Amino acid sequence: MFVRNVYVEKHKVTCCPSTFTVKQAHELIKKTGYRCIPVIDSETNEYKGQIYKVDLLEHLYENGGHLEDSIIKITKEEDSFVPKDASLSLALLMIDRLPFLAVTDEFKEFQGIITHSVLMDLFRDGFGMKTGGYCFTVAIWDHTGAFLKLLKLLKSYNIEGAHTFGNGNELFRRLTFTISEENEYVIEKLKAKIIKSGFRVLHIEKIEKAL
């Protein structure tokens, strides 16, 4: 999946023009209720970085700054952007502690943002939160064909989401998958089948359908 499939388009994003003063930026960010908003070049539409409410207040009350100062002085994270055609894995690697990443086109013009909450929603999808069901966590020994062997056991079930954990672990990985099944007898039967095939079932959890 690519960033372009899930980002918030710029017409839905509150942005701070690069020509704004500290006073204007503070009024804007206070009005939105956000702790941080993107700063965009007023002429070229290029992404200039992020402006944080806490930095505005520090500038004024701790660093002796002035209301008429340019926000460029306190704009941070000018490299916190990803191309629109980048993979989501790149966004996950970059976003870390940031509230969002800017999304740019091939000319580095601002197109929108991808937020932590969007990435968390995608992560929840992998657990089948929207549909509910039973979530299995299975330990898979790291050898060729192990995943395929398990997948063959699941071919008659409807898989609502899946994740793998333990990348780089030389011994085993953990696979979580959610099946849309309510019958506990069917679940126990599947569990027994998985164990009989040489896998360890670490955990089974009933996932309630999100409202």
N, C-alpha and C. Protein backbone atom coordinates (compact mmCIF):
# COMPACT_ATOMS: atom_id res chain seq x y z
N MET A 1 0.84 -1.19 0.00
CA MET A 1 0.00 0.00 0.00
C MET A 1 0.88 1.25 0.00
N PHE A 2 0.36 2.30 -0.62
CA PHE A 2 1.14 3.52 -0.76
C PHE A 2 0.52 4.67 0.05
N VAL A 3 1.35 5.67 0.33
CA VAL A 3 0.90 6.86 1.06
C VAL A 3 -0.28 7.51 0.36
N ARG A 4 -0.26 7.53 -0.96
CA ARG A 4 -1.32 8.21 -1.72
C ARG A 4 -2.70 7.61 -1.46
N ASN A 5 -2.76 6.37 -0.96
CA ASN A 5 -4.04 5.71 -0.71
C ASN A 5 -4.71 6.16 0.58
N VAL A 6 -3.94 6.75 1.49
CA VAL A 6 -4.49 7.00 2.83
C VAL A 6 -4.26 8.41 3.39
N TYR A 7 -3.57 9.26 2.67
CA TYR A 7 -3.24 10.57 3.26
C TYR A 7 -4.44 11.52 3.25
N VAL A 8 -4.38 12.53 4.11
CA VAL A 8 -5.42 13.56 4.20
C VAL A 8 -5.06 14.69 3.23
N GLU A 9 -5.93 14.98 2.29
CA GLU A 9 -5.64 15.97 1.26
C GLU A 9 -5.57 17.38 1.85
N LYS A 10 -4.79 18.24 1.18
CA LYS A 10 -4.45 19.54 1.76
C LYS A 10 -5.66 20.45 2.00
N HIS A 11 -6.73 20.28 1.21
CA HIS A 11 -7.89 21.15 1.43
C HIS A 11 -8.62 20.82 2.74
N LYS A 12 -8.25 19.68 3.35
CA LYS A 12 -8.83 19.30 4.63
C LYS A 12 -7.88 19.58 5.80
N VAL A 13 -6.72 20.15 5.49
CA VAL A 13 -5.67 20.36 6.50
C VAL A 13 -5.53 21.85 6.82
N THR A 14 -5.47 22.18 8.10
CA THR A 14 -5.19 23.56 8.51
C THR A 14 -3.69 23.79 8.42
N CYS A 15 -3.29 24.76 7.59
CA CYS A 15 -1.88 25.05 7.37
C CYS A 15 -1.55 26.47 7.79
N CYS A 16 -0.30 26.67 8.16
CA CYS A 16 0.18 28.00 8.54
C CYS A 16 1.06 28.55 7.42
N PRO A 17 0.68 29.67 6.80
CA PRO A 17 1.52 30.27 5.76
C PRO A 17 2.87 30.70 6.33
N SER A 18 3.91 30.57 5.54
CA SER A 18 5.26 30.90 6.01
C SER A 18 5.44 32.38 6.32
N THR A 19 4.52 33.21 5.84
CA THR A 19 4.61 34.66 6.09
C THR A 19 4.00 35.07 7.43
N PHE A 20 3.39 34.13 8.13
CA PHE A 20 2.73 34.46 9.39
C PHE A 20 3.73 34.87 10.46
N THR A 21 3.25 35.73 11.34
CA THR A 21 4.02 36.09 12.53
C THR A 21 3.70 35.08 13.64
N VAL A 22 4.46 35.18 14.72
CA VAL A 22 4.21 34.31 15.87
C VAL A 22 2.80 34.53 16.40
N LYS A 23 2.36 35.78 16.43
CA LYS A 23 1.02 36.09 16.92
C LYS A 23 -0.04 35.43 16.05
N GLN A 24 0.09 35.55 14.73
CA GLN A 24 -0.89 34.96 13.82
C GLN A 24 -0.91 33.44 13.92
N ALA A 25 0.28 32.87 14.03
CA ALA A 25 0.37 31.40 14.13
C ALA A 25 -0.25 30.90 15.43
N HIS A 26 0.00 31.63 16.51
CA HIS A 26 -0.56 31.23 17.80
C HIS A 26 -2.07 31.31 17.78
N GLU A 27 -2.61 32.35 17.19
CA GLU A 27 -4.07 32.50 17.09
C GLU A 27 -4.68 31.37 16.26
N LEU A 28 -3.99 31.02 15.17
CA LEU A 28 -4.48 29.96 14.29
C LEU A 28 -4.46 28.61 14.98
N ILE A 29 -3.35 28.29 15.61
CA ILE A 29 -3.21 26.98 16.24
C ILE A 29 -4.13 26.85 17.45
N LYS A 30 -4.37 27.97 18.15
CA LYS A 30 -5.29 27.97 19.29
C LYS A 30 -6.72 27.73 18.81
N LYS A 31 -7.05 28.29 17.66
CA LYS A 31 -8.38 28.14 17.09
C LYS A 31 -8.65 26.70 16.66
N THR A 32 -7.64 26.04 16.12
CA THR A 32 -7.82 24.67 15.63
C THR A 32 -7.87 23.64 16.75
N GLY A 33 -7.16 23.93 17.85
CA GLY A 33 -7.08 22.96 18.94
C GLY A 33 -5.98 21.94 18.77
N TYR A 34 -5.23 22.04 17.65
CA TYR A 34 -4.13 21.10 17.41
C TYR A 34 -2.89 21.55 18.18
N ARG A 35 -1.99 20.61 18.46
CA ARG A 35 -0.72 20.97 19.10
C ARG A 35 0.34 21.31 18.08
N CYS A 36 0.09 20.97 16.82
CA CYS A 36 1.08 21.18 15.77
C CYS A 36 0.39 21.24 14.41
N ILE A 37 0.83 22.15 13.53
CA ILE A 37 0.28 22.24 12.18
C ILE A 37 1.43 22.46 11.18
N PRO A 38 1.21 22.10 9.92
CA PRO A 38 2.26 22.27 8.91
C PRO A 38 2.43 23.73 8.49
N VAL A 39 3.67 24.08 8.16
CA VAL A 39 3.98 25.42 7.64
C VAL A 39 4.27 25.28 6.15
N ILE A 40 3.57 26.10 5.35
CA ILE A 40 3.68 26.01 3.89
C ILE A 40 4.15 27.34 3.32
N ASP A 41 5.09 27.27 2.37
CA ASP A 41 5.57 28.48 1.71
C ASP A 41 4.41 29.18 1.01
N SER A 42 4.23 30.44 1.31
CA SER A 42 3.09 31.20 0.79
C SER A 42 3.10 31.36 -0.72
N GLU A 43 4.27 31.28 -1.34
CA GLU A 43 4.36 31.49 -2.78
C GLU A 43 4.52 30.19 -3.57
N THR A 44 5.35 29.29 -3.09
CA THR A 44 5.67 28.09 -3.87
C THR A 44 4.88 26.85 -3.46
N ASN A 45 4.15 26.93 -2.35
CA ASN A 45 3.40 25.78 -1.82
C ASN A 45 4.32 24.66 -1.34
N GLU A 46 5.59 24.97 -1.10
CA GLU A 46 6.51 23.96 -0.59
C GLU A 46 6.33 23.81 0.93
N TYR A 47 6.56 22.60 1.39
CA TYR A 47 6.48 22.31 2.81
C TYR A 47 7.72 22.84 3.51
N LYS A 48 7.52 23.64 4.59
CA LYS A 48 8.64 24.26 5.30
C LYS A 48 8.93 23.62 6.66
N GLY A 49 7.98 22.84 7.16
CA GLY A 49 8.19 22.21 8.46
C GLY A 49 6.93 22.23 9.32
N GLN A 50 7.13 22.05 10.63
CA GLN A 50 6.02 22.00 11.58
C GLN A 50 6.17 23.10 12.62
N ILE A 51 5.03 23.64 13.02
CA ILE A 51 5.03 24.65 14.08
C ILE A 51 4.21 24.09 15.25
N TYR A 52 4.82 24.08 16.44
CA TYR A 52 4.18 23.52 17.63
C TYR A 52 3.70 24.64 18.54
N LYS A 53 2.56 24.42 19.16
CA LYS A 53 2.01 25.39 20.11
C LYS A 53 2.99 25.63 21.25
N VAL A 54 3.60 24.56 21.75
CA VAL A 54 4.53 24.69 22.88
C VAL A 54 5.75 25.54 22.50
N ASP A 55 6.20 25.44 21.25
CA ASP A 55 7.35 26.23 20.81
C ASP A 55 6.99 27.71 20.68
N LEU A 56 5.76 27.98 20.26
CA LEU A 56 5.30 29.37 20.18
C LEU A 56 5.30 30.00 21.57
N LEU A 57 4.80 29.26 22.55
CA LEU A 57 4.73 29.78 23.91
C LEU A 57 6.12 29.93 24.53
N GLU A 58 7.00 28.97 24.27
CA GLU A 58 8.37 29.07 24.76
C GLU A 58 9.08 30.28 24.17
N HIS A 59 8.85 30.50 22.87
CA HIS A 59 9.47 31.64 22.19
C HIS A 59 9.05 32.95 22.84
N LEU A 60 7.78 33.05 23.18
CA LEU A 60 7.26 34.30 23.74
C LEU A 60 7.61 34.48 25.21
N TYR A 61 7.44 33.44 26.01
CA TYR A 61 7.51 33.61 27.46
C TYR A 61 8.80 33.13 28.11
N GLU A 62 9.60 32.36 27.39
CA GLU A 62 10.85 31.88 27.98
C GLU A 62 12.09 32.38 27.25
N ASN A 63 11.94 32.64 25.96
CA ASN A 63 13.11 33.02 25.16
C ASN A 63 13.14 34.50 24.78
N GLY A 64 12.19 35.26 25.31
CA GLY A 64 12.18 36.70 25.05
C GLY A 64 11.80 37.08 23.63
N GLY A 65 11.06 36.22 22.96
CA GLY A 65 10.63 36.50 21.59
C GLY A 65 9.51 37.53 21.54
N HIS A 66 9.16 37.91 20.31
CA HIS A 66 8.13 38.94 20.11
C HIS A 66 6.99 38.41 19.24
N LEU A 67 5.82 38.97 19.43
CA LEU A 67 4.64 38.56 18.68
C LEU A 67 4.80 38.75 17.18
N GLU A 68 5.59 39.75 16.79
CA GLU A 68 5.74 40.05 15.36
C GLU A 68 6.91 39.30 14.71
N ASP A 69 7.58 38.43 15.45
CA ASP A 69 8.65 37.63 14.86
C ASP A 69 8.09 36.68 13.81
N SER A 70 8.91 36.33 12.84
CA SER A 70 8.50 35.37 11.81
C SER A 70 8.48 33.96 12.39
N ILE A 71 7.52 33.17 11.98
CA ILE A 71 7.44 31.80 12.49
C ILE A 71 8.56 30.91 11.94
N ILE A 72 9.20 31.34 10.87
CA ILE A 72 10.30 30.55 10.31
C ILE A 72 11.40 30.33 11.35
N LYS A 73 11.52 31.29 12.29
CA LYS A 73 12.53 31.18 13.35
C LYS A 73 12.33 29.94 14.22
N ILE A 74 11.09 29.53 14.38
CA ILE A 74 10.80 28.42 15.29
C ILE A 74 10.13 27.24 14.59
N THR A 75 10.15 27.24 13.28
CA THR A 75 9.62 26.10 12.53
C THR A 75 10.61 24.94 12.61
N LYS A 76 10.09 23.75 12.86
CA LYS A 76 10.94 22.56 13.04
C LYS A 76 10.61 21.49 12.00
N GLU A 77 11.44 20.45 12.00
CA GLU A 77 11.19 19.23 11.23
C GLU A 77 10.96 19.50 9.74
N GLU A 78 11.85 20.29 9.15
CA GLU A 78 11.68 20.61 7.72
C GLU A 78 11.83 19.39 6.81
N ASP A 79 12.41 18.32 7.34
CA ASP A 79 12.58 17.10 6.53
C ASP A 79 11.50 16.06 6.81
N SER A 80 10.47 16.44 7.53
CA SER A 80 9.44 15.47 7.91
C SER A 80 8.36 15.34 6.84
N PHE A 81 8.77 14.88 5.67
CA PHE A 81 7.80 14.68 4.58
C PHE A 81 8.13 13.40 3.82
N VAL A 82 7.11 12.86 3.16
CA VAL A 82 7.29 11.68 2.31
C VAL A 82 6.63 11.96 0.96
N PRO A 83 7.16 11.39 -0.12
CA PRO A 83 6.51 11.53 -1.42
C PRO A 83 5.16 10.82 -1.42
N LYS A 84 4.26 11.34 -2.21
CA LYS A 84 2.92 10.76 -2.29
C LYS A 84 2.95 9.30 -2.75
N ASP A 85 3.93 8.96 -3.58
CA ASP A 85 4.03 7.61 -4.12
C ASP A 85 4.91 6.68 -3.27
N ALA A 86 5.30 7.14 -2.09
CA ALA A 86 6.13 6.31 -1.20
C ALA A 86 5.29 5.19 -0.58
N SER A 87 5.96 4.15 -0.12
CA SER A 87 5.26 3.04 0.53
C SER A 87 4.91 3.42 1.97
N LEU A 88 3.89 2.76 2.51
CA LEU A 88 3.52 3.02 3.90
C LEU A 88 4.62 2.60 4.87
N SER A 89 5.42 1.62 4.48
CA SER A 89 6.51 1.20 5.36
C SER A 89 7.50 2.33 5.59
N LEU A 90 7.74 3.15 4.56
CA LEU A 90 8.62 4.30 4.73
C LEU A 90 8.01 5.31 5.69
N ALA A 91 6.71 5.54 5.57
CA ALA A 91 6.02 6.47 6.48
C ALA A 91 6.10 5.97 7.92
N LEU A 92 5.94 4.67 8.13
CA LEU A 92 6.03 4.10 9.47
C LEU A 92 7.42 4.29 10.07
N LEU A 93 8.43 4.14 9.25
CA LEU A 93 9.81 4.31 9.73
C LEU A 93 10.10 5.76 10.09
N MET A 94 9.49 6.69 9.37
CA MET A 94 9.81 8.10 9.55
C MET A 94 8.99 8.80 10.62
N ILE A 95 7.74 8.39 10.81
CA ILE A 95 6.83 9.20 11.62
C ILE A 95 7.21 9.17 13.10
N ASP A 96 7.60 8.03 13.63
CA ASP A 96 8.14 7.89 14.98
C ASP A 96 7.39 8.75 15.99
N ARG A 97 8.03 9.81 16.51
CA ARG A 97 7.44 10.65 17.56
C ARG A 97 6.64 11.82 16.99
N LEU A 98 6.61 11.98 15.66
CA LEU A 98 5.95 13.13 15.05
C LEU A 98 4.44 12.93 14.98
N PRO A 99 3.67 14.02 15.09
CA PRO A 99 2.21 13.89 14.99
C PRO A 99 1.74 13.60 13.57
N PHE A 100 2.54 14.01 12.58
CA PHE A 100 2.18 13.75 11.19
C PHE A 100 3.41 13.90 10.31
N LEU A 101 3.30 13.41 9.09
CA LEU A 101 4.28 13.67 8.04
C LEU A 101 3.59 14.42 6.92
N ALA A 102 4.27 15.39 6.34
CA ALA A 102 3.72 16.05 5.16
C ALA A 102 3.84 15.11 3.97
N VAL A 103 2.92 15.23 3.04
CA VAL A 103 2.94 14.44 1.80
C VAL A 103 3.18 15.41 0.65
N THR A 104 4.17 15.10 -0.18
CA THR A 104 4.54 16.00 -1.28
C THR A 104 4.47 15.29 -2.62
N ASP A 105 4.40 16.09 -3.69
CA ASP A 105 4.44 15.52 -5.04
C ASP A 105 5.88 15.49 -5.54
N GLU A 106 6.04 15.20 -6.84
CA GLU A 106 7.40 15.08 -7.40
C GLU A 106 8.15 16.41 -7.43
N PHE A 107 7.42 17.52 -7.28
CA PHE A 107 8.04 18.85 -7.26
C PHE A 107 8.21 19.37 -5.83
N LYS A 108 7.98 18.49 -4.86
CA LYS A 108 8.09 18.80 -3.43
C LYS A 108 7.04 19.81 -2.97
N GLU A 109 5.95 19.90 -3.73
CA GLU A 109 4.85 20.77 -3.31
C GLU A 109 3.94 20.00 -2.35
N PHE A 110 3.43 20.72 -1.37
CA PHE A 110 2.61 20.14 -0.31
C PHE A 110 1.29 19.63 -0.87
N GLN A 111 0.96 18.37 -0.55
CA GLN A 111 -0.28 17.76 -1.01
C GLN A 111 -1.23 17.40 0.13
N GLY A 112 -0.69 17.30 1.34
CA GLY A 112 -1.52 16.91 2.48
C GLY A 112 -0.65 16.32 3.58
N ILE A 113 -1.27 15.55 4.47
CA ILE A 113 -0.51 14.93 5.57
C ILE A 113 -0.96 13.49 5.77
N ILE A 114 -0.07 12.71 6.37
CA ILE A 114 -0.44 11.39 6.87
C ILE A 114 -0.18 11.40 8.37
N THR A 115 -1.18 11.02 9.14
CA THR A 115 -1.11 11.18 10.59
C THR A 115 -0.87 9.85 11.31
N HIS A 116 -0.49 9.98 12.58
CA HIS A 116 -0.33 8.80 13.43
C HIS A 116 -1.64 8.02 13.50
N SER A 117 -2.76 8.74 13.60
CA SER A 117 -4.05 8.06 13.76
C SER A 117 -4.41 7.24 12.53
N VAL A 118 -4.05 7.73 11.34
CA VAL A 118 -4.30 6.97 10.11
C VAL A 118 -3.52 5.66 10.13
N LEU A 119 -2.25 5.74 10.53
CA LEU A 119 -1.42 4.54 10.59
C LEU A 119 -1.91 3.57 11.66
N MET A 120 -2.42 4.11 12.78
CA MET A 120 -2.96 3.25 13.82
C MET A 120 -4.23 2.55 13.35
N ASP A 121 -5.05 3.26 12.57
CA ASP A 121 -6.27 2.64 12.02
C ASP A 121 -5.92 1.47 11.11
N LEU A 122 -4.86 1.64 10.31
CA LEU A 122 -4.42 0.55 9.44
C LEU A 122 -3.92 -0.63 10.26
N PHE A 123 -3.23 -0.32 11.36
CA PHE A 123 -2.74 -1.38 12.25
C PHE A 123 -3.91 -2.14 12.87
N ARG A 124 -4.96 -1.40 13.28
CA ARG A 124 -6.14 -2.04 13.86
C ARG A 124 -6.83 -2.94 12.84
N ASP A 125 -6.84 -2.49 11.59
CA ASP A 125 -7.44 -3.31 10.54
C ASP A 125 -6.81 -4.69 10.48
N GLY A 126 -5.49 -4.74 10.74
CA GLY A 126 -4.78 -6.01 10.71
C GLY A 126 -5.22 -6.97 11.80
N PHE A 127 -5.91 -6.44 12.82
CA PHE A 127 -6.45 -7.28 13.89
C PHE A 127 -7.95 -7.54 13.71
N GLY A 128 -8.51 -7.07 12.60
CA GLY A 128 -9.92 -7.31 12.33
C GLY A 128 -10.85 -6.58 13.27
N MET A 129 -10.45 -5.41 13.74
CA MET A 129 -11.24 -4.66 14.72
C MET A 129 -12.61 -4.23 14.17
N LYS A 130 -12.69 -3.99 12.87
CA LYS A 130 -13.94 -3.49 12.30
C LYS A 130 -15.01 -4.57 12.18
N THR A 131 -14.57 -5.81 11.97
CA THR A 131 -15.52 -6.88 11.74
C THR A 131 -15.69 -7.81 12.93
N GLY A 132 -14.66 -7.88 13.79
CA GLY A 132 -14.71 -8.79 14.92
C GLY A 132 -14.40 -10.22 14.52
N GLY A 133 -14.35 -11.10 15.52
CA GLY A 133 -14.03 -12.51 15.28
C GLY A 133 -13.07 -13.01 16.34
N TYR A 134 -12.31 -14.03 16.01
CA TYR A 134 -11.32 -14.58 16.93
C TYR A 134 -9.92 -14.34 16.39
N CYS A 135 -9.06 -13.77 17.24
CA CYS A 135 -7.69 -13.46 16.84
C CYS A 135 -6.74 -14.51 17.43
N PHE A 136 -6.04 -15.21 16.54
CA PHE A 136 -5.05 -16.21 16.94
C PHE A 136 -3.65 -15.60 16.91
N THR A 137 -2.83 -15.95 17.87
CA THR A 137 -1.39 -15.66 17.81
C THR A 137 -0.67 -17.00 17.78
N VAL A 138 0.06 -17.24 16.69
CA VAL A 138 0.70 -18.54 16.47
C VAL A 138 2.20 -18.35 16.29
N ALA A 139 2.99 -19.18 16.96
CA ALA A 139 4.44 -19.16 16.78
C ALA A 139 4.80 -20.05 15.60
N ILE A 140 5.57 -19.48 14.67
CA ILE A 140 5.98 -20.21 13.47
C ILE A 140 7.49 -20.33 13.47
N TRP A 141 8.00 -21.55 13.43
CA TRP A 141 9.44 -21.74 13.37
C TRP A 141 9.96 -21.20 12.05
N ASP A 142 11.06 -20.49 12.12
CA ASP A 142 11.56 -19.78 10.94
C ASP A 142 12.32 -20.73 10.00
N HIS A 143 11.55 -21.43 9.18
CA HIS A 143 12.17 -22.26 8.15
C HIS A 143 11.33 -22.20 6.88
N THR A 144 11.93 -22.51 5.77
CA THR A 144 11.27 -22.40 4.47
C THR A 144 10.00 -23.23 4.42
N GLY A 145 8.92 -22.60 3.98
CA GLY A 145 7.66 -23.31 3.80
C GLY A 145 6.74 -23.30 5.00
N ALA A 146 7.20 -22.74 6.14
CA ALA A 146 6.38 -22.77 7.35
C ALA A 146 5.10 -21.95 7.19
N PHE A 147 5.21 -20.76 6.62
CA PHE A 147 4.03 -19.91 6.42
C PHE A 147 3.04 -20.60 5.49
N LEU A 148 3.54 -21.16 4.41
CA LEU A 148 2.68 -21.82 3.44
C LEU A 148 1.92 -22.98 4.08
N LYS A 149 2.61 -23.72 4.93
CA LYS A 149 1.99 -24.84 5.62
C LYS A 149 0.82 -24.37 6.49
N LEU A 150 1.02 -23.26 7.21
CA LEU A 150 -0.05 -22.72 8.05
C LEU A 150 -1.19 -22.17 7.20
N LEU A 151 -0.85 -21.47 6.13
CA LEU A 151 -1.88 -20.89 5.27
C LEU A 151 -2.80 -21.96 4.68
N LYS A 152 -2.24 -23.11 4.38
CA LYS A 152 -3.06 -24.20 3.84
C LYS A 152 -4.10 -24.66 4.86
N LEU A 153 -3.76 -24.56 6.14
CA LEU A 153 -4.72 -24.92 7.19
C LEU A 153 -5.86 -23.92 7.27
N LEU A 154 -5.60 -22.69 6.82
CA LEU A 154 -6.58 -21.61 6.96
C LEU A 154 -7.39 -21.35 5.69
N LYS A 155 -7.18 -22.16 4.67
CA LYS A 155 -7.76 -21.85 3.36
C LYS A 155 -9.29 -21.85 3.35
N SER A 156 -9.92 -22.53 4.29
CA SER A 156 -11.38 -22.58 4.31
C SER A 156 -12.00 -21.57 5.27
N TYR A 157 -11.17 -20.65 5.81
CA TYR A 157 -11.65 -19.64 6.75
C TYR A 157 -11.54 -18.25 6.14
N ASN A 158 -12.41 -17.36 6.60
CA ASN A 158 -12.38 -15.98 6.13
C ASN A 158 -11.44 -15.16 7.01
N ILE A 159 -10.27 -14.79 6.48
CA ILE A 159 -9.28 -14.03 7.25
C ILE A 159 -9.59 -12.54 7.16
N GLU A 160 -9.86 -11.91 8.31
CA GLU A 160 -10.21 -10.49 8.34
C GLU A 160 -9.00 -9.58 8.49
N GLY A 161 -7.91 -10.12 9.01
CA GLY A 161 -6.70 -9.31 9.18
C GLY A 161 -5.55 -10.18 9.63
N ALA A 162 -4.32 -9.70 9.41
CA ALA A 162 -3.15 -10.48 9.81
C ALA A 162 -1.94 -9.57 10.00
N HIS A 163 -1.07 -9.97 10.92
CA HIS A 163 0.21 -9.28 11.15
C HIS A 163 1.27 -10.34 11.43
N THR A 164 2.51 -10.04 11.09
CA THR A 164 3.63 -10.88 11.55
C THR A 164 4.52 -10.04 12.45
N PHE A 165 5.05 -10.67 13.49
CA PHE A 165 5.95 -10.01 14.43
C PHE A 165 7.20 -10.86 14.61
N GLY A 166 8.30 -10.20 14.96
CA GLY A 166 9.53 -10.93 15.20
C GLY A 166 10.47 -10.94 14.03
N ASN A 167 10.36 -9.92 13.17
CA ASN A 167 11.27 -9.81 12.03
C ASN A 167 12.72 -9.77 12.52
N GLY A 168 13.56 -10.65 11.97
CA GLY A 168 14.95 -10.71 12.39
C GLY A 168 15.22 -11.77 13.44
N ASN A 169 14.16 -12.33 14.02
CA ASN A 169 14.32 -13.41 15.00
C ASN A 169 14.69 -14.69 14.26
N GLU A 170 15.81 -15.28 14.61
CA GLU A 170 16.30 -16.45 13.89
C GLU A 170 15.58 -17.74 14.27
N LEU A 171 14.84 -17.73 15.37
CA LEU A 171 14.19 -18.95 15.83
C LEU A 171 12.74 -19.06 15.36
N PHE A 172 11.95 -18.05 15.66
CA PHE A 172 10.55 -18.12 15.25
C PHE A 172 9.95 -16.72 15.10
N ARG A 173 8.82 -16.70 14.43
CA ARG A 173 8.04 -15.47 14.30
C ARG A 173 6.65 -15.72 14.84
N ARG A 174 5.96 -14.64 15.14
CA ARG A 174 4.58 -14.75 15.59
C ARG A 174 3.66 -14.19 14.51
N LEU A 175 2.67 -14.96 14.19
CA LEU A 175 1.66 -14.52 13.23
C LEU A 175 0.35 -14.35 13.96
N THR A 176 -0.25 -13.18 13.85
CA THR A 176 -1.60 -12.99 14.37
C THR A 176 -2.55 -12.90 13.20
N PHE A 177 -3.66 -13.56 13.30
CA PHE A 177 -4.68 -13.47 12.25
C PHE A 177 -6.05 -13.55 12.91
N THR A 178 -7.01 -12.88 12.33
CA THR A 178 -8.37 -12.85 12.86
C THR A 178 -9.31 -13.48 11.84
N ILE A 179 -10.11 -14.43 12.29
CA ILE A 179 -11.09 -15.04 11.41
C ILE A 179 -12.49 -14.65 11.87
N SER A 180 -13.37 -14.43 10.92
CA SER A 180 -14.73 -14.00 11.24
C SER A 180 -15.59 -15.22 11.54
N GLU A 181 -15.42 -15.73 12.72
CA GLU A 181 -16.13 -16.93 13.16
C GLU A 181 -16.60 -16.74 14.58
N GLU A 182 -17.87 -17.08 14.85
CA GLU A 182 -18.43 -16.91 16.19
C GLU A 182 -18.55 -18.24 16.95
N ASN A 183 -18.52 -19.34 16.23
CA ASN A 183 -18.73 -20.65 16.83
C ASN A 183 -17.47 -21.12 17.56
N GLU A 184 -17.54 -21.26 18.87
CA GLU A 184 -16.36 -21.64 19.66
C GLU A 184 -15.88 -23.06 19.34
N TYR A 185 -16.81 -23.92 18.96
CA TYR A 185 -16.42 -25.29 18.60
C TYR A 185 -15.51 -25.26 17.37
N VAL A 186 -15.85 -24.42 16.39
CA VAL A 186 -15.04 -24.28 15.18
C VAL A 186 -13.66 -23.75 15.54
N ILE A 187 -13.61 -22.81 16.48
CA ILE A 187 -12.34 -22.22 16.91
C ILE A 187 -11.46 -23.27 17.58
N GLU A 188 -12.04 -24.07 18.47
CA GLU A 188 -11.27 -25.11 19.15
C GLU A 188 -10.78 -26.17 18.17
N LYS A 189 -11.59 -26.45 17.18
CA LYS A 189 -11.21 -27.44 16.17
C LYS A 189 -10.02 -26.93 15.35
N LEU A 190 -10.06 -25.64 15.00
CA LEU A 190 -8.96 -25.04 14.25
C LEU A 190 -7.69 -25.02 15.11
N LYS A 191 -7.84 -24.69 16.38
CA LYS A 191 -6.69 -24.67 17.29
C LYS A 191 -6.01 -26.03 17.33
N ALA A 192 -6.81 -27.07 17.47
CA ALA A 192 -6.26 -28.43 17.53
C ALA A 192 -5.55 -28.79 16.22
N LYS A 193 -6.11 -28.36 15.12
CA LYS A 193 -5.52 -28.65 13.81
C LYS A 193 -4.16 -27.96 13.66
N ILE A 194 -4.08 -26.71 14.14
CA ILE A 194 -2.83 -25.95 14.06
C ILE A 194 -1.74 -26.60 14.92
N ILE A 195 -2.12 -27.00 16.14
CA ILE A 195 -1.16 -27.64 17.05
C ILE A 195 -0.68 -28.98 16.48
N LYS A 196 -1.61 -29.74 15.93
CA LYS A 196 -1.28 -31.05 15.36
C LYS A 196 -0.28 -30.91 14.21
N SER A 197 -0.31 -29.76 13.53
CA SER A 197 0.58 -29.53 12.39
C SER A 197 1.96 -29.04 12.81
N GLY A 198 2.19 -28.92 14.13
CA GLY A 198 3.52 -28.58 14.61
C GLY A 198 3.72 -27.13 15.00
N PHE A 199 2.65 -26.35 15.03
CA PHE A 199 2.74 -24.94 15.42
C PHE A 199 2.30 -24.77 16.87
N ARG A 200 2.73 -23.68 17.49
CA ARG A 200 2.30 -23.35 18.86
C ARG A 200 1.26 -22.24 18.81
N VAL A 201 0.11 -22.49 19.41
CA VAL A 201 -0.91 -21.45 19.54
C VAL A 201 -0.64 -20.72 20.86
N LEU A 202 -0.16 -19.49 20.76
CA LEU A 202 0.24 -18.74 21.95
C LEU A 202 -0.95 -18.09 22.65
N HIS A 203 -1.94 -17.69 21.85
CA HIS A 203 -3.05 -16.94 22.44
C HIS A 203 -4.23 -16.91 21.46
N ILE A 204 -5.43 -16.96 22.01
CA ILE A 204 -6.64 -16.76 21.21
C ILE A 204 -7.50 -15.74 21.94
N GLU A 205 -7.93 -14.73 21.24
CA GLU A 205 -8.72 -13.66 21.86
C GLU A 205 -9.93 -13.34 21.00
N LYS A 206 -11.06 -13.19 21.66
CA LYS A 206 -12.28 -12.80 20.94
C LYS A 206 -12.25 -11.29 20.72
N ILE A 207 -12.35 -10.87 19.48
CA ILE A 207 -12.36 -9.45 19.14
C ILE A 207 -13.79 -9.00 18.87
N GLU A 208 -14.26 -8.06 19.66
CA GLU A 208 -15.61 -7.54 19.45
C GLU A 208 -15.62 -6.57 18.27
N LYS A 209 -16.67 -6.61 17.52
CA LYS A 209 -16.81 -5.72 16.37
C LYS A 209 -16.86 -4.27 16.84
N ALA A 210 -16.05 -3.41 16.21
CA ALA A 210 -16.02 -2.00 16.59
C ALA A 210 -17.34 -1.33 16.22
N LEU A 211 -17.82 -0.47 17.10
CA LEU A 211 -19.08 0.25 16.84
C LEU A 211 -18.84 1.47 15.98
